[in-house]
Protein backbone atom coordinates (compact mmCIF):
# COMPACT_ATOMS: atom_id res chain seq x y z
CA MET A 1 -48.98 -26.50 51.65
CA SER A 2 -48.92 -23.09 50.01
CA ILE A 3 -47.42 -20.00 51.57
CA ALA A 4 -49.23 -17.68 53.53
CA PRO A 5 -50.71 -14.65 51.34
CA GLU A 6 -49.30 -12.10 53.60
CA LEU A 7 -45.54 -13.54 53.68
CA LEU A 8 -45.86 -13.92 49.94
CA ARG A 9 -46.69 -10.46 49.71
CA ARG A 10 -43.53 -9.41 51.64
CA ILE A 11 -41.35 -11.68 49.64
CA VAL A 12 -42.47 -10.07 46.45
CA GLU A 13 -42.15 -6.29 47.58
CA GLY A 14 -38.74 -7.40 48.89
CA ALA A 15 -37.67 -9.08 45.56
CA LEU A 16 -38.81 -6.14 43.51
CA LEU A 17 -36.99 -3.72 45.42
CA ALA A 18 -33.77 -5.48 45.71
CA ALA A 19 -33.84 -6.45 41.89
CA ALA A 20 -32.09 -4.04 39.41
CA GLN A 21 -34.51 -4.95 36.71
CA PRO A 22 -38.14 -6.02 36.29
CA LEU A 23 -39.00 -9.48 37.46
CA SER A 24 -41.40 -11.67 35.62
CA GLU A 25 -44.08 -13.62 37.31
CA ASP A 26 -42.22 -17.01 36.67
CA ARG A 27 -39.00 -15.54 38.20
CA LEU A 28 -41.05 -14.44 41.34
CA LEU A 29 -42.43 -17.96 41.76
CA SER A 30 -39.06 -19.43 41.52
CA LEU A 31 -37.96 -17.76 44.67
CA ILE A 32 -40.34 -19.88 46.74
CA ASP A 33 -39.76 -23.86 47.32
CA GLU A 34 -41.51 -25.90 45.20
CA GLY A 35 -43.79 -27.42 48.25
CA GLU A 36 -44.87 -23.80 49.20
CA ARG A 37 -45.09 -22.42 45.75
CA PRO A 38 -48.53 -20.76 45.23
CA GLU A 39 -50.48 -20.95 42.03
CA LYS A 40 -50.06 -17.99 39.35
CA ALA A 41 -53.51 -16.62 40.00
CA ALA A 42 -52.38 -16.29 43.73
CA LEU A 43 -49.27 -14.24 42.82
CA LYS A 44 -51.23 -12.23 40.37
CA GLU A 45 -53.70 -11.42 43.02
CA VAL A 46 -50.77 -10.36 45.35
CA LEU A 47 -49.37 -8.10 42.71
CA GLU A 48 -52.63 -6.38 42.22
CA GLN A 49 -52.96 -5.68 45.83
CA ILE A 50 -49.55 -4.11 45.96
CA ALA A 51 -50.31 -1.92 42.99
CA GLU A 52 -53.53 -0.79 44.61
CA ASN A 53 -51.45 0.13 47.81
CA CYS A 54 -48.98 2.23 45.96
CA VAL A 55 -51.86 4.59 44.71
CA GLU A 56 -51.13 8.13 45.90
CA ARG A 57 -47.61 7.17 46.96
CA GLY A 58 -44.10 8.15 45.95
CA PHE A 59 -43.68 5.02 44.10
CA GLU A 60 -45.63 2.34 42.01
CA LEU A 61 -45.76 -1.09 40.90
CA ARG A 62 -45.75 -1.13 37.14
CA GLN A 63 -46.07 -4.16 34.80
CA VAL A 64 -43.82 -3.85 31.59
CA ALA A 65 -42.63 -6.20 29.04
CA SER A 66 -40.01 -7.85 31.09
CA GLY A 67 -41.94 -8.23 34.15
CA TRP A 68 -43.02 -6.42 37.41
CA ARG A 69 -41.13 -3.40 38.80
CA PHE A 70 -41.25 -0.52 41.31
CA GLN A 71 -40.72 2.85 39.75
CA VAL A 72 -41.12 6.57 40.59
CA PRO A 73 -44.51 8.05 39.13
CA GLU A 74 -44.05 10.12 36.22
CA ASP A 75 -45.62 13.25 37.85
CA LEU A 76 -42.69 13.18 40.49
CA ALA A 77 -39.89 13.13 37.58
CA PRO A 78 -39.19 17.08 37.63
CA TRP A 79 -38.11 16.69 41.46
CA VAL A 80 -36.67 13.31 41.60
CA ASN A 81 -34.47 13.80 38.62
CA LYS A 82 -32.72 16.58 40.30
CA LEU A 83 -30.71 13.64 42.32
CA TRP A 84 -28.61 13.17 39.24
CA GLU A 85 -26.58 16.13 38.17
CA GLU A 86 -26.14 14.93 34.56
CA LYS A 87 -29.08 15.62 32.38
CA PRO A 88 -30.97 12.66 30.55
CA GLN A 89 -29.97 12.43 26.92
CA LYS A 90 -31.98 14.18 24.43
CA TYR A 91 -32.62 12.62 20.96
CA SER A 92 -32.92 14.43 17.78
CA ARG A 93 -36.10 14.54 15.62
CA ALA A 94 -34.67 12.33 12.93
CA THR A 95 -33.65 9.63 15.66
CA LEU A 96 -37.22 9.47 17.18
CA GLU A 97 -38.84 9.60 13.58
CA THR A 98 -36.81 6.34 12.69
CA LEU A 99 -37.50 4.76 16.12
CA ALA A 100 -41.33 5.66 15.68
CA ILE A 101 -41.28 4.04 12.02
CA ILE A 102 -39.42 1.11 13.26
CA ALA A 103 -41.92 0.53 16.17
CA TYR A 104 -44.96 0.76 14.00
CA ARG A 105 -43.88 -1.01 10.99
CA GLN A 106 -41.49 -3.76 12.20
CA PRO A 107 -39.96 -5.64 10.78
CA ILE A 108 -38.67 -3.11 8.59
CA THR A 109 -35.42 -2.44 6.36
CA ARG A 110 -33.50 0.83 6.26
CA GLY A 111 -34.58 1.40 2.71
CA ASP A 112 -38.04 1.31 3.77
CA ILE A 113 -37.34 3.80 6.39
CA GLU A 114 -35.83 6.13 4.00
CA GLU A 115 -38.60 5.83 1.70
CA ILE A 116 -41.17 6.64 4.36
CA ARG A 117 -39.25 9.59 5.76
CA GLY A 118 -38.22 10.83 2.15
CA VAL A 119 -34.31 11.28 3.27
CA ALA A 120 -31.37 8.90 3.75
CA VAL A 121 -30.97 7.62 7.18
CA SER A 122 -27.86 8.29 8.67
CA SER A 123 -25.57 5.24 9.98
CA HIS A 124 -25.33 7.09 13.21
CA ILE A 125 -28.83 6.94 13.93
CA VAL A 126 -29.12 3.22 13.43
CA LYS A 127 -25.90 2.49 15.63
CA SER A 128 -26.96 4.83 18.45
CA LEU A 129 -30.44 3.12 18.68
CA SER A 130 -28.84 -0.33 18.59
CA GLU A 131 -26.47 0.55 21.14
CA ARG A 132 -29.22 1.97 23.46
CA GLY A 133 -30.80 -1.41 23.18
CA TRP A 134 -33.97 -0.37 21.63
CA ILE A 135 -33.72 -1.90 18.08
CA LYS A 136 -32.22 -5.06 16.96
CA VAL A 137 -31.58 -7.09 13.62
CA VAL A 138 -34.37 -9.81 13.41
CA GLY A 139 -33.57 -11.31 9.90
CA GLN A 140 -32.85 -10.39 6.42
CA ARG A 141 -35.55 -9.79 3.55
CA ASP A 142 -35.35 -12.26 0.95
CA VAL A 143 -34.46 -9.93 -2.00
CA PRO A 144 -31.15 -9.17 -3.76
CA GLY A 145 -28.76 -7.62 -1.21
CA LYS A 146 -30.32 -9.23 1.67
CA PRO A 147 -31.19 -6.06 3.44
CA SER A 148 -31.38 -6.43 7.23
CA LEU A 149 -34.73 -6.20 9.14
CA TYR A 150 -34.99 -4.06 12.14
CA ALA A 151 -37.44 -4.50 15.11
CA THR A 152 -37.83 -3.03 18.76
CA THR A 153 -36.78 -4.81 21.74
CA ARG A 154 -37.87 -5.62 25.42
CA GLU A 155 -35.66 -2.89 26.47
CA PHE A 156 -37.76 -0.28 24.41
CA LEU A 157 -40.85 -1.51 25.70
CA ASP A 158 -39.66 -1.24 29.36
CA TYR A 159 -38.11 2.18 28.78
CA PHE A 160 -41.62 3.51 27.72
CA ASN A 161 -43.60 1.67 30.19
CA LEU A 162 -45.21 -0.81 27.58
CA LYS A 163 -46.39 -4.37 28.10
CA SER A 164 -46.59 -5.06 24.52
CA LEU A 165 -46.61 -3.26 21.13
CA GLU A 166 -50.40 -3.29 21.45
CA ASP A 167 -50.03 -0.69 24.01
CA LEU A 168 -48.55 1.85 21.46
CA PRO A 169 -50.77 4.90 20.99
CA THR A 170 -52.92 5.01 17.71
CA LEU A 171 -52.35 7.46 15.19
CA ALA A 172 -55.58 9.08 16.63
CA GLU A 173 -54.19 9.47 19.95
CA ILE A 174 -50.78 11.07 18.53
CA ARG A 175 -50.91 14.51 19.40
CA ASP A 176 -50.14 17.28 16.82
CA ILE A 177 -46.46 18.23 15.93
CA GLU A 178 -46.27 21.45 17.90
CA SER A 179 -47.51 19.57 21.09
CA LEU A 180 -44.78 17.15 20.48
CA ASN A 181 -42.20 19.89 19.94
CA ALA A 182 -43.17 21.24 23.44
CA ALA A 183 -43.04 17.85 25.16
CA LEU A 184 -39.87 16.68 23.47
CA ASP A 185 -38.14 20.11 24.02
CA LEU A 186 -37.07 20.13 20.45
CA GLY A 187 -38.04 23.80 19.80
CA ASP A 188 -39.32 25.06 16.45
CA VAL A 189 -37.90 22.42 14.19
CA PRO A 190 -38.86 22.73 10.38
CA PRO A 191 -40.05 19.49 8.64
CA PRO A 192 -37.29 17.38 6.92
CA ALA A 193 -36.72 18.14 3.32
CA ALA A 194 -36.05 15.54 0.76
CA ALA A 195 -32.26 14.86 0.21
CA GLU A 196 -30.59 15.33 -3.21
CA ASP A 197 -28.71 12.32 -4.74
CA GLY A 198 -25.88 11.30 -2.51
CA GLU A 199 -26.91 13.66 0.16
CA VAL A 200 -27.27 12.30 3.76
CA GLU A 201 -29.49 13.90 6.27
CA GLY A 202 -27.52 15.99 8.71
CA GLU A 203 -24.79 16.82 6.22
CA GLU A 204 -24.85 20.17 4.64
CA THR A 205 -23.29 20.74 1.07
CA PRO A 206 -20.45 23.27 1.41
CA GLU A 207 -21.00 26.71 -0.36
CA ALA A 208 -18.24 28.78 -1.81
CA PRO A 209 -17.53 32.11 0.12
CA GLU A 210 -18.93 35.15 -1.08
CA SER A 211 -15.74 36.67 -2.03
CA GLN A 212 -14.73 33.41 -4.06
CA ALA A 213 -18.12 33.64 -5.88
CA VAL A 214 -17.50 37.27 -6.94
CA GLU A 215 -14.05 36.31 -8.16
CA LEU A 216 -15.29 33.34 -10.25
CA GLY A 217 -18.17 35.55 -11.46
CA ASP A 218 -15.64 38.32 -12.77
CA ALA A 219 -13.43 35.48 -14.24
CA ALA A 220 -16.38 34.18 -15.98
CA ASP A 221 -17.37 37.68 -17.39
CA GLU A 222 -13.74 38.33 -18.62
CA SER A 223 -13.49 34.99 -20.32
CA GLU A 224 -16.62 35.85 -22.16
CA THR A 225 -15.35 39.19 -23.08
CA ALA A 226 -12.14 37.78 -24.16
CA ASP A 227 -13.72 35.16 -26.42
CA ALA A 228 -15.95 37.90 -27.90
CA GLU A 229 -13.14 40.22 -28.70
CA GLN A 230 -11.24 37.20 -30.07
CA ALA A 231 -14.25 36.14 -32.48
CA SER A 232 -15.27 39.83 -33.30
CA PRO A 233 -13.11 40.33 -36.55
CA ALA A 234 -14.18 37.28 -38.22
CA VAL A 235 -18.04 37.96 -37.35
CA THR A 236 -17.58 41.49 -38.64
CA GLU A 237 -16.20 40.26 -42.02
CA ASP A 238 -18.83 37.90 -42.35
CA TYR A 239 -21.35 40.38 -41.56
CA ALA A 240 -20.09 43.01 -44.13
CA GLU A 241 -20.10 40.22 -46.76
CA GLU A 242 -23.57 39.20 -45.94
CA MET A 243 -24.78 42.77 -45.99
CA GLU A 244 -23.29 43.24 -49.53
CA ASN A 245 -24.67 39.99 -50.93
CA ALA A 246 -27.98 41.08 -49.30
CA GLU A 247 -27.86 44.45 -51.41
CA ALA A 248 -26.78 42.70 -54.58
CA ASP A 249 -29.70 40.60 -54.24
CA ALA A 250 -31.90 43.18 -53.62
CA GLU A 251 -30.63 45.22 -56.74
CA GLY A 252 -31.06 41.98 -58.91
CA ALA A 253 -34.53 41.52 -57.55
CA GLU A 254 -35.49 45.21 -58.73
CA THR A 255 -33.89 44.59 -62.12
CA ALA A 256 -35.64 41.32 -62.51
CA HIS A 257 -38.92 43.05 -61.74
CA ASP A 258 -38.52 45.47 -64.55
CA GLU A 259 -37.02 43.07 -67.26
CA PRO A 260 -40.15 41.06 -68.45
CA GLU A 261 -41.46 44.15 -70.50
CA THR A 262 -38.05 44.60 -72.18
CA LEU A 263 -37.95 40.72 -72.64
CA VAL A 264 -41.04 40.75 -74.41
CA GLU A 265 -40.33 43.59 -76.67
CA ASP A 266 -37.05 42.12 -77.58
CA GLU A 267 -38.64 38.86 -78.23
CA PHE A 268 -40.82 40.19 -80.97
CA LYS A 269 -37.70 42.08 -82.42
CA SER A 270 -35.39 39.01 -82.82
CA PRO A 271 -34.76 37.96 -86.29
CA GLU A 272 -36.01 34.24 -85.35
CA ASN A 273 -39.34 35.59 -84.56
CA LEU A 274 -39.29 37.77 -87.67
CA ASN A 275 -38.62 34.85 -90.02
CA SER A 276 -41.14 32.70 -88.12
């Protein structure tokens, strides 16, 4: 004989309140003896009734990837969060972008993520997401080097109130970047620039102090001046010699221009021509 629907409802409510994590439908059914265990359809109907009764109340019944759970509605979060003194952890834009790429393109390698974002992915980002339980290694790509393939976890779906990856918003539903900044409280964050060779995102290339730059510039100028002074005697002598050669060539050219008539005259006056 199956258990009474009213008792089933109370058992389900009590179990969900006592559990520290979502409970699947199979786990809920396992709480009831096999002889009285209802069908899954009956349990599903009870869960839907409980969810309807929670409408407009201070808590709601929500189905996520791991199962069913009671939780506080999102619109009450500003008041309920004051129960905890420490503020929830905030994540950087780079971390959220990396998580979004993994969610929409999984399974994906770290190199693929860097190619999409245009910057190197810090090891700290991958480590923090893994420690948070939002991503995990699901295999290796069959290419040289065997890079790890990353994918999201059930904890990721539970945290964002998703039953499956199909519940992720489409690109058309994603708001513009300014709205995301306001919602995530990231402020006016400029878009990430492509990293240079060997540069990892989040690490800045150190610049020399201004005074040091001035000293280096003065030293370079002095070095150039010293080199010029050292080379100037040889350059001056070569230049003078070239000028003298040029003048001599110019005089020779003028003389050569006047010589043809003289050569013609001398040609007729030569003894050889007279004898001929």
